[in-house]
């Protein structure tokens, strides 16, 4: 009687959601190292484009971040890979190589950027410098109440 050969990773992936078997540290690290190297090529404008070129889907990035949370090597490689594309966007937007509005949109929605918000204290800077600690505390409480914050 002969035993059946073990299923390869490729054949296992055809069976359904077997990510726990498919995506191990031993499998992911070499893929990430290759992705980091390929990401530096100007051929790829986005992380999604690079992943798709390798037959991977965009959501795998978040899956790996979650699955390997606490694994310093994989977390470093994932963050480094994300950083490469963040810098590509910044360079492209600043040099007008990319559409500036699209660049801003992508940076806000994928990299945590936001517009700077000016906060008006209702007090001039010189007035703040002349206020006592007690007056500053009172002004801070007024601002908190105005913004619906309780102490």
N, C-alpha and C. Protein backbone atom coordinates (compact mmCIF):
# COMPACT_ATOMS: atom_id res chain seq x y z
N UNK A 1 0.84 -1.17 0.00
CA UNK A 1 0.00 0.00 0.00
C UNK A 1 0.89 1.24 0.00
N UNK A 2 0.59 2.17 -0.91
CA UNK A 2 1.39 3.38 -0.99
C UNK A 2 0.63 4.53 -0.35
N UNK A 3 1.38 5.41 0.28
CA UNK A 3 0.74 6.56 0.91
C UNK A 3 0.63 7.71 -0.08
N UNK A 4 -0.37 8.53 0.12
CA UNK A 4 -0.56 9.68 -0.75
C UNK A 4 0.50 10.73 -0.44
N UNK A 5 0.97 11.43 -1.45
CA UNK A 5 1.95 12.50 -1.17
C UNK A 5 1.26 13.65 -0.43
N UNK A 6 2.03 14.33 0.38
CA UNK A 6 1.50 15.49 1.13
C UNK A 6 1.07 16.55 0.14
N UNK A 7 0.01 17.26 0.48
CA UNK A 7 -0.48 18.32 -0.38
C UNK A 7 0.47 19.51 -0.30
N UNK A 8 0.72 20.11 -1.44
CA UNK A 8 1.58 21.29 -1.47
C UNK A 8 0.78 22.49 -0.98
N UNK A 9 1.48 23.57 -0.69
CA UNK A 9 0.82 24.80 -0.25
C UNK A 9 -0.16 25.27 -1.32
N UNK A 10 0.24 25.16 -2.60
CA UNK A 10 -0.63 25.59 -3.70
C UNK A 10 -1.93 24.79 -3.70
N UNK A 11 -1.85 23.48 -3.54
CA UNK A 11 -3.08 22.67 -3.57
C UNK A 11 -3.91 22.90 -2.32
N UNK A 12 -3.27 23.19 -1.19
CA UNK A 12 -4.02 23.50 0.03
C UNK A 12 -4.80 24.78 -0.16
N UNK A 13 -4.20 25.76 -0.84
CA UNK A 13 -4.87 27.05 -1.00
C UNK A 13 -6.12 26.92 -1.86
N UNK A 14 -6.21 25.89 -2.65
CA UNK A 14 -7.39 25.69 -3.49
C UNK A 14 -8.57 25.15 -2.69
N UNK A 15 -8.35 24.67 -1.47
CA UNK A 15 -9.40 24.06 -0.68
C UNK A 15 -10.28 25.08 0.03
N UNK A 16 -9.88 26.30 0.13
CA UNK A 16 -10.66 27.31 0.84
C UNK A 16 -9.77 28.12 1.74
N UNK A 17 -10.34 28.68 2.78
CA UNK A 17 -9.60 29.54 3.69
C UNK A 17 -8.73 28.71 4.61
N UNK A 18 -7.50 28.54 4.23
CA UNK A 18 -6.55 27.78 5.03
C UNK A 18 -5.36 28.66 5.36
N UNK A 19 -5.61 29.93 5.64
CA UNK A 19 -4.53 30.88 5.88
C UNK A 19 -3.63 30.47 7.04
N UNK A 20 -4.17 29.76 8.03
CA UNK A 20 -3.33 29.37 9.16
C UNK A 20 -2.24 28.41 8.71
N UNK A 21 -2.53 27.60 7.69
CA UNK A 21 -1.54 26.68 7.16
C UNK A 21 -0.67 27.38 6.12
N UNK A 22 -1.30 28.19 5.29
CA UNK A 22 -0.62 28.82 4.17
C UNK A 22 0.36 29.91 4.60
N UNK A 23 -0.06 30.77 5.53
CA UNK A 23 0.75 31.92 5.89
C UNK A 23 1.44 31.70 7.23
N UNK A 24 2.60 31.10 7.16
CA UNK A 24 3.43 30.92 8.34
C UNK A 24 4.61 31.88 8.25
N UNK A 25 5.30 32.07 9.36
CA UNK A 25 6.47 32.96 9.35
C UNK A 25 7.48 32.50 8.30
N UNK A 26 7.67 31.20 8.19
CA UNK A 26 8.63 30.67 7.21
C UNK A 26 8.24 30.98 5.77
N UNK A 27 6.93 31.11 5.51
CA UNK A 27 6.47 31.42 4.16
C UNK A 27 6.44 32.92 3.89
N UNK A 28 6.08 33.69 4.91
CA UNK A 28 5.85 35.12 4.72
C UNK A 28 7.15 35.93 4.63
N UNK A 29 8.13 35.61 5.44
CA UNK A 29 9.37 36.40 5.45
C UNK A 29 10.04 36.43 4.07
N UNK A 30 10.23 35.31 3.39
CA UNK A 30 10.84 35.39 2.06
C UNK A 30 10.01 36.20 1.06
N UNK A 31 8.69 36.08 1.16
CA UNK A 31 7.82 36.85 0.27
C UNK A 31 8.00 38.34 0.54
N UNK A 32 8.02 38.72 1.81
CA UNK A 32 8.19 40.13 2.16
C UNK A 32 9.54 40.68 1.72
N UNK A 33 10.58 39.88 1.87
CA UNK A 33 11.91 40.33 1.41
C UNK A 33 11.90 40.59 -0.09
N UNK A 34 11.25 39.74 -0.84
CA UNK A 34 11.15 39.95 -2.29
C UNK A 34 10.30 41.18 -2.60
N UNK A 35 9.20 41.35 -1.87
CA UNK A 35 8.34 42.50 -2.09
C UNK A 35 9.06 43.82 -1.80
N UNK A 36 9.84 43.84 -0.72
CA UNK A 36 10.61 45.05 -0.38
C UNK A 36 11.58 45.38 -1.52
N UNK A 37 12.23 44.38 -2.04
CA UNK A 37 13.18 44.61 -3.14
C UNK A 37 12.44 45.12 -4.38
N UNK A 38 11.33 44.48 -4.73
CA UNK A 38 10.57 44.88 -5.92
C UNK A 38 9.91 46.24 -5.74
N UNK A 39 9.53 46.59 -4.53
CA UNK A 39 8.84 47.85 -4.26
C UNK A 39 9.70 49.05 -4.61
N UNK A 40 10.99 48.89 -4.56
CA UNK A 40 11.89 50.01 -4.83
C UNK A 40 12.00 50.32 -6.32
N UNK A 41 11.45 49.44 -7.14
CA UNK A 41 11.41 49.65 -8.58
C UNK A 41 10.30 50.66 -8.88
N UNK A 42 10.57 51.63 -9.73
CA UNK A 42 9.57 52.64 -10.07
C UNK A 42 8.41 52.08 -10.88
N UNK A 43 8.51 50.81 -11.24
CA UNK A 43 7.45 50.15 -12.00
C UNK A 43 6.14 50.10 -11.22
N UNK A 44 6.21 50.04 -9.90
CA UNK A 44 5.02 49.91 -9.06
C UNK A 44 4.74 51.22 -8.34
N UNK A 45 3.53 51.75 -8.56
CA UNK A 45 3.14 53.02 -7.92
C UNK A 45 2.48 52.80 -6.57
N UNK A 46 1.82 51.65 -6.40
CA UNK A 46 1.10 51.40 -5.15
C UNK A 46 1.42 50.01 -4.62
N UNK A 47 1.20 49.84 -3.34
CA UNK A 47 1.38 48.53 -2.70
C UNK A 47 0.42 47.52 -3.30
N UNK A 48 -0.82 47.95 -3.52
CA UNK A 48 -1.82 47.05 -4.12
C UNK A 48 -1.38 46.55 -5.48
N UNK A 49 -0.80 47.42 -6.28
CA UNK A 49 -0.32 47.04 -7.61
C UNK A 49 0.79 45.98 -7.51
N UNK A 50 1.70 46.18 -6.57
CA UNK A 50 2.79 45.22 -6.37
C UNK A 50 2.24 43.87 -5.91
N UNK A 51 1.33 43.91 -4.94
CA UNK A 51 0.76 42.66 -4.44
C UNK A 51 0.03 41.91 -5.54
N UNK A 52 -0.77 42.63 -6.33
CA UNK A 52 -1.50 41.99 -7.42
C UNK A 52 -0.56 41.37 -8.45
N UNK A 53 0.57 42.02 -8.69
CA UNK A 53 1.53 41.48 -9.66
C UNK A 53 2.11 40.14 -9.19
N UNK A 54 2.05 39.90 -7.89
CA UNK A 54 2.55 38.65 -7.31
C UNK A 54 1.44 37.65 -7.03
N UNK A 55 0.22 37.97 -7.49
CA UNK A 55 -0.90 37.06 -7.28
C UNK A 55 -1.46 37.12 -5.87
N UNK A 56 -1.15 38.20 -5.15
CA UNK A 56 -1.66 38.39 -3.79
C UNK A 56 -2.74 39.47 -3.83
N UNK A 57 -3.54 39.53 -2.81
CA UNK A 57 -4.60 40.51 -2.74
C UNK A 57 -4.24 41.57 -1.71
N UNK A 58 -4.81 42.74 -1.90
CA UNK A 58 -4.48 43.89 -1.05
C UNK A 58 -4.72 43.63 0.43
N UNK A 59 -5.76 42.89 0.76
CA UNK A 59 -6.13 42.66 2.16
C UNK A 59 -5.13 41.76 2.89
N UNK A 60 -4.28 41.06 2.15
CA UNK A 60 -3.31 40.16 2.81
C UNK A 60 -2.36 40.96 3.68
N UNK A 61 -2.09 42.20 3.29
CA UNK A 61 -1.19 43.06 4.07
C UNK A 61 -1.74 43.24 5.48
N UNK A 62 -3.03 43.59 5.60
CA UNK A 62 -3.65 43.78 6.92
C UNK A 62 -3.74 42.45 7.67
N UNK A 63 -4.01 41.37 6.94
CA UNK A 63 -4.08 40.05 7.56
C UNK A 63 -2.73 39.70 8.20
N UNK A 64 -1.64 39.94 7.46
CA UNK A 64 -0.31 39.66 7.99
C UNK A 64 0.00 40.54 9.19
N UNK A 65 -0.36 41.83 9.13
CA UNK A 65 -0.13 42.72 10.27
C UNK A 65 -0.82 42.18 11.52
N UNK A 66 -2.04 41.71 11.35
CA UNK A 66 -2.81 41.18 12.48
C UNK A 66 -2.26 39.83 12.94
N UNK A 67 -2.04 38.94 12.00
CA UNK A 67 -1.60 37.58 12.35
C UNK A 67 -0.24 37.58 13.03
N UNK A 68 0.67 38.40 12.52
CA UNK A 68 2.04 38.39 13.02
C UNK A 68 2.33 39.56 13.96
N UNK A 69 1.28 40.10 14.57
CA UNK A 69 1.45 41.16 15.55
C UNK A 69 2.35 40.64 16.67
N UNK A 70 3.40 41.35 16.96
CA UNK A 70 4.36 40.90 17.97
C UNK A 70 5.60 40.27 17.36
N UNK A 71 5.53 39.89 16.09
CA UNK A 71 6.70 39.35 15.40
C UNK A 71 7.47 40.53 14.83
N UNK A 72 8.59 40.87 15.47
CA UNK A 72 9.32 42.08 15.11
C UNK A 72 9.82 42.07 13.67
N UNK A 73 10.31 40.94 13.20
CA UNK A 73 10.86 40.88 11.85
C UNK A 73 9.78 41.14 10.80
N UNK A 74 8.65 40.46 10.94
CA UNK A 74 7.58 40.62 9.95
C UNK A 74 6.97 42.01 10.06
N UNK A 75 6.74 42.49 11.27
CA UNK A 75 6.18 43.83 11.46
C UNK A 75 7.10 44.88 10.86
N UNK A 76 8.40 44.73 11.06
CA UNK A 76 9.37 45.67 10.49
C UNK A 76 9.29 45.65 8.96
N UNK A 77 9.27 44.46 8.37
CA UNK A 77 9.22 44.35 6.91
C UNK A 77 7.92 44.94 6.35
N UNK A 78 6.80 44.69 7.01
CA UNK A 78 5.52 45.24 6.56
C UNK A 78 5.52 46.76 6.64
N UNK A 79 6.02 47.30 7.75
CA UNK A 79 6.07 48.77 7.91
C UNK A 79 7.06 49.40 6.94
N UNK A 80 8.17 48.71 6.69
CA UNK A 80 9.16 49.22 5.74
C UNK A 80 8.56 49.25 4.33
N UNK A 81 7.85 48.20 3.98
CA UNK A 81 7.20 48.11 2.68
C UNK A 81 6.17 49.24 2.52
N UNK A 82 5.37 49.45 3.54
CA UNK A 82 4.38 50.53 3.52
C UNK A 82 5.08 51.88 3.40
N UNK A 83 6.19 52.04 4.10
CA UNK A 83 6.95 53.30 4.05
C UNK A 83 7.50 53.61 2.67
N UNK A 84 7.90 52.57 1.95
CA UNK A 84 8.41 52.78 0.58
C UNK A 84 7.34 53.45 -0.27
N UNK A 85 6.12 52.94 -0.18
CA UNK A 85 5.05 53.50 -1.01
C UNK A 85 4.58 54.86 -0.49
N UNK A 86 4.66 55.09 0.79
CA UNK A 86 4.35 56.40 1.33
C UNK A 86 5.33 57.44 0.77
N UNK A 87 6.60 57.10 0.76
CA UNK A 87 7.61 58.02 0.22
C UNK A 87 7.45 58.23 -1.28
N UNK A 88 7.08 57.18 -2.01
CA UNK A 88 6.83 57.33 -3.45
C UNK A 88 5.69 58.32 -3.69
N UNK A 89 4.64 58.20 -2.88
CA UNK A 89 3.51 59.13 -3.01
C UNK A 89 3.94 60.56 -2.70
N UNK A 90 4.68 60.74 -1.62
CA UNK A 90 5.13 62.08 -1.26
C UNK A 90 5.99 62.69 -2.35
N UNK A 91 6.96 61.92 -2.84
CA UNK A 91 7.83 62.42 -3.92
C UNK A 91 7.03 62.74 -5.17
N UNK A 92 6.14 61.83 -5.55
CA UNK A 92 5.33 62.03 -6.75
C UNK A 92 4.41 63.23 -6.64
N UNK A 93 3.81 63.41 -5.47
CA UNK A 93 2.92 64.56 -5.26
C UNK A 93 3.67 65.87 -5.24
N UNK A 94 4.82 65.89 -4.55
CA UNK A 94 5.60 67.13 -4.46
C UNK A 94 6.23 67.53 -5.78
N UNK A 95 6.54 66.56 -6.62
CA UNK A 95 7.16 66.86 -7.91
C UNK A 95 6.13 67.01 -9.03
N UNK A 96 4.84 66.93 -8.67
CA UNK A 96 3.74 66.99 -9.63
C UNK A 96 3.76 65.86 -10.64
N UNK A 97 4.48 64.79 -10.32
CA UNK A 97 4.46 63.60 -11.16
C UNK A 97 3.10 62.91 -11.01
N UNK A 98 2.53 62.98 -9.80
CA UNK A 98 1.21 62.41 -9.51
C UNK A 98 0.23 63.56 -9.33
N UNK A 99 -1.02 63.29 -9.55
CA UNK A 99 -2.07 64.26 -9.29
C UNK A 99 -2.06 64.59 -7.80
N UNK A 100 -1.93 65.86 -7.48
CA UNK A 100 -1.79 66.28 -6.09
C UNK A 100 -3.03 65.94 -5.26
N UNK A 101 -4.21 66.18 -5.81
CA UNK A 101 -5.44 65.89 -5.06
C UNK A 101 -5.54 64.38 -4.78
N UNK A 102 -5.21 63.57 -5.76
CA UNK A 102 -5.25 62.11 -5.56
C UNK A 102 -4.21 61.69 -4.53
N UNK A 103 -3.05 62.30 -4.57
CA UNK A 103 -1.99 61.98 -3.61
C UNK A 103 -2.44 62.31 -2.20
N UNK A 104 -3.03 63.47 -2.01
CA UNK A 104 -3.53 63.87 -0.69
C UNK A 104 -4.59 62.89 -0.21
N UNK A 105 -5.51 62.54 -1.09
CA UNK A 105 -6.57 61.60 -0.74
C UNK A 105 -5.98 60.26 -0.28
N UNK A 106 -5.04 59.75 -1.02
CA UNK A 106 -4.44 58.45 -0.68
C UNK A 106 -3.67 58.54 0.63
N UNK A 107 -2.90 59.61 0.83
CA UNK A 107 -2.15 59.77 2.07
C UNK A 107 -3.09 59.86 3.28
N UNK A 108 -4.20 60.56 3.13
CA UNK A 108 -5.15 60.68 4.24
C UNK A 108 -5.84 59.35 4.53
N UNK A 109 -6.22 58.63 3.50
CA UNK A 109 -7.01 57.42 3.68
C UNK A 109 -6.20 56.16 3.93
N UNK A 110 -4.93 56.16 3.57
CA UNK A 110 -4.12 54.95 3.73
C UNK A 110 -2.93 55.10 4.66
N UNK A 111 -2.53 56.34 4.95
CA UNK A 111 -1.33 56.53 5.75
C UNK A 111 -1.55 57.42 6.97
N UNK A 112 -2.80 57.75 7.29
CA UNK A 112 -3.10 58.48 8.52
C UNK A 112 -2.82 59.97 8.49
N UNK A 113 -2.60 60.54 7.32
CA UNK A 113 -2.37 61.99 7.26
C UNK A 113 -3.69 62.72 7.48
N UNK A 114 -3.61 63.95 7.97
CA UNK A 114 -4.79 64.78 8.13
C UNK A 114 -4.38 66.24 7.98
N UNK A 115 -5.38 67.07 7.70
CA UNK A 115 -5.12 68.51 7.61
C UNK A 115 -4.83 69.04 9.00
N UNK A 116 -3.92 69.98 9.08
CA UNK A 116 -3.65 70.63 10.36
C UNK A 116 -4.85 71.47 10.73
N UNK A 117 -5.23 71.40 11.96
CA UNK A 117 -6.38 72.18 12.40
C UNK A 117 -5.90 73.26 13.35
N UNK A 118 -6.22 74.50 12.99
CA UNK A 118 -5.89 75.61 13.87
C UNK A 118 -6.94 75.68 14.97
N UNK A 119 -6.48 75.82 16.17
CA UNK A 119 -7.39 75.90 17.31
C UNK A 119 -7.31 77.32 17.86
N UNK A 120 -8.45 77.95 17.88
CA UNK A 120 -8.50 79.31 18.42
C UNK A 120 -8.81 79.24 19.90
N UNK A 121 -7.98 79.86 20.67
CA UNK A 121 -8.19 79.88 22.12
C UNK A 121 -9.06 81.05 22.54
N UNK A 122 -9.33 81.95 21.62
CA UNK A 122 -10.11 83.14 21.99
C UNK A 122 -9.30 84.10 22.83
N UNK A 123 -7.99 83.87 22.87
CA UNK A 123 -7.11 84.71 23.66
C UNK A 123 -5.84 84.94 22.84
N UNK A 124 -5.35 86.14 22.85
CA UNK A 124 -4.11 86.44 22.13
C UNK A 124 -2.92 85.86 22.89
N UNK A 125 -1.89 85.49 22.17
CA UNK A 125 -0.69 84.88 22.76
C UNK A 125 -0.09 85.76 23.87
N UNK A 126 -0.02 87.06 23.63
CA UNK A 126 0.54 87.97 24.63
C UNK A 126 -0.27 87.94 25.92
N UNK A 127 -1.60 87.81 25.78
CA UNK A 127 -2.46 87.74 26.96
C UNK A 127 -2.16 86.48 27.76
N UNK A 128 -1.93 85.38 27.07
CA UNK A 128 -1.61 84.12 27.77
C UNK A 128 -0.33 84.26 28.58
N UNK A 129 0.65 84.95 28.01
CA UNK A 129 1.93 85.12 28.71
C UNK A 129 1.76 85.92 30.01
N UNK A 130 0.77 86.81 30.06
CA UNK A 130 0.56 87.65 31.24
C UNK A 130 -0.38 87.02 32.27
N UNK A 131 -1.05 85.93 31.92
CA UNK A 131 -2.02 85.32 32.83
C UNK A 131 -1.33 84.52 33.92
N UNK A 132 -1.97 84.53 35.09
CA UNK A 132 -1.45 83.71 36.19
C UNK A 132 -1.86 82.26 35.95
N UNK A 133 -1.28 81.36 36.73
CA UNK A 133 -1.64 79.95 36.61
C UNK A 133 -3.12 79.73 36.86
N UNK A 134 -3.65 80.46 37.84
CA UNK A 134 -5.08 80.34 38.17
C UNK A 134 -5.94 80.79 36.99
N UNK A 135 -5.56 81.90 36.36
CA UNK A 135 -6.32 82.41 35.21
C UNK A 135 -6.23 81.45 34.02
N UNK A 136 -5.06 80.87 33.84
CA UNK A 136 -4.89 79.89 32.75
C UNK A 136 -5.76 78.65 32.99
N UNK A 137 -5.80 78.18 34.23
CA UNK A 137 -6.64 77.03 34.57
C UNK A 137 -8.11 77.34 34.32
N UNK A 138 -8.53 78.54 34.70
CA UNK A 138 -9.92 78.95 34.49
C UNK A 138 -10.25 79.01 33.00
N UNK A 139 -9.34 79.56 32.21
CA UNK A 139 -9.54 79.66 30.75
C UNK A 139 -9.60 78.26 30.14
N UNK A 140 -8.76 77.36 30.60
CA UNK A 140 -8.76 75.98 30.12
C UNK A 140 -10.10 75.30 30.42
N UNK A 141 -10.63 75.51 31.60
CA UNK A 141 -11.93 74.94 31.96
C UNK A 141 -13.04 75.50 31.07
N UNK A 142 -12.98 76.79 30.77
CA UNK A 142 -13.97 77.41 29.89
C UNK A 142 -13.92 76.77 28.49
N UNK A 143 -12.70 76.56 28.00
CA UNK A 143 -12.54 75.95 26.67
C UNK A 143 -13.05 74.52 26.66
N UNK A 144 -12.79 73.78 27.74
CA UNK A 144 -13.26 72.40 27.83
C UNK A 144 -14.80 72.37 27.80
N UNK A 145 -15.42 73.26 28.58
CA UNK A 145 -16.89 73.32 28.62
C UNK A 145 -17.44 73.69 27.25
N UNK A 146 -16.80 74.64 26.59
CA UNK A 146 -17.25 75.07 25.27
C UNK A 146 -17.16 73.93 24.25
N UNK A 147 -16.23 73.00 24.45
CA UNK A 147 -16.05 71.87 23.55
C UNK A 147 -16.74 70.60 24.04
N UNK A 148 -17.55 70.74 25.10
CA UNK A 148 -18.32 69.62 25.60
C UNK A 148 -17.52 68.61 26.40
N UNK A 149 -16.36 68.99 26.88
CA UNK A 149 -15.54 68.10 27.68
C UNK A 149 -15.79 68.37 29.15
N UNK A 150 -15.80 67.31 29.91
CA UNK A 150 -15.92 67.48 31.36
C UNK A 150 -14.59 67.12 31.99
N UNK A 151 -14.35 67.66 33.15
CA UNK A 151 -13.08 67.41 33.83
C UNK A 151 -13.16 66.23 34.75
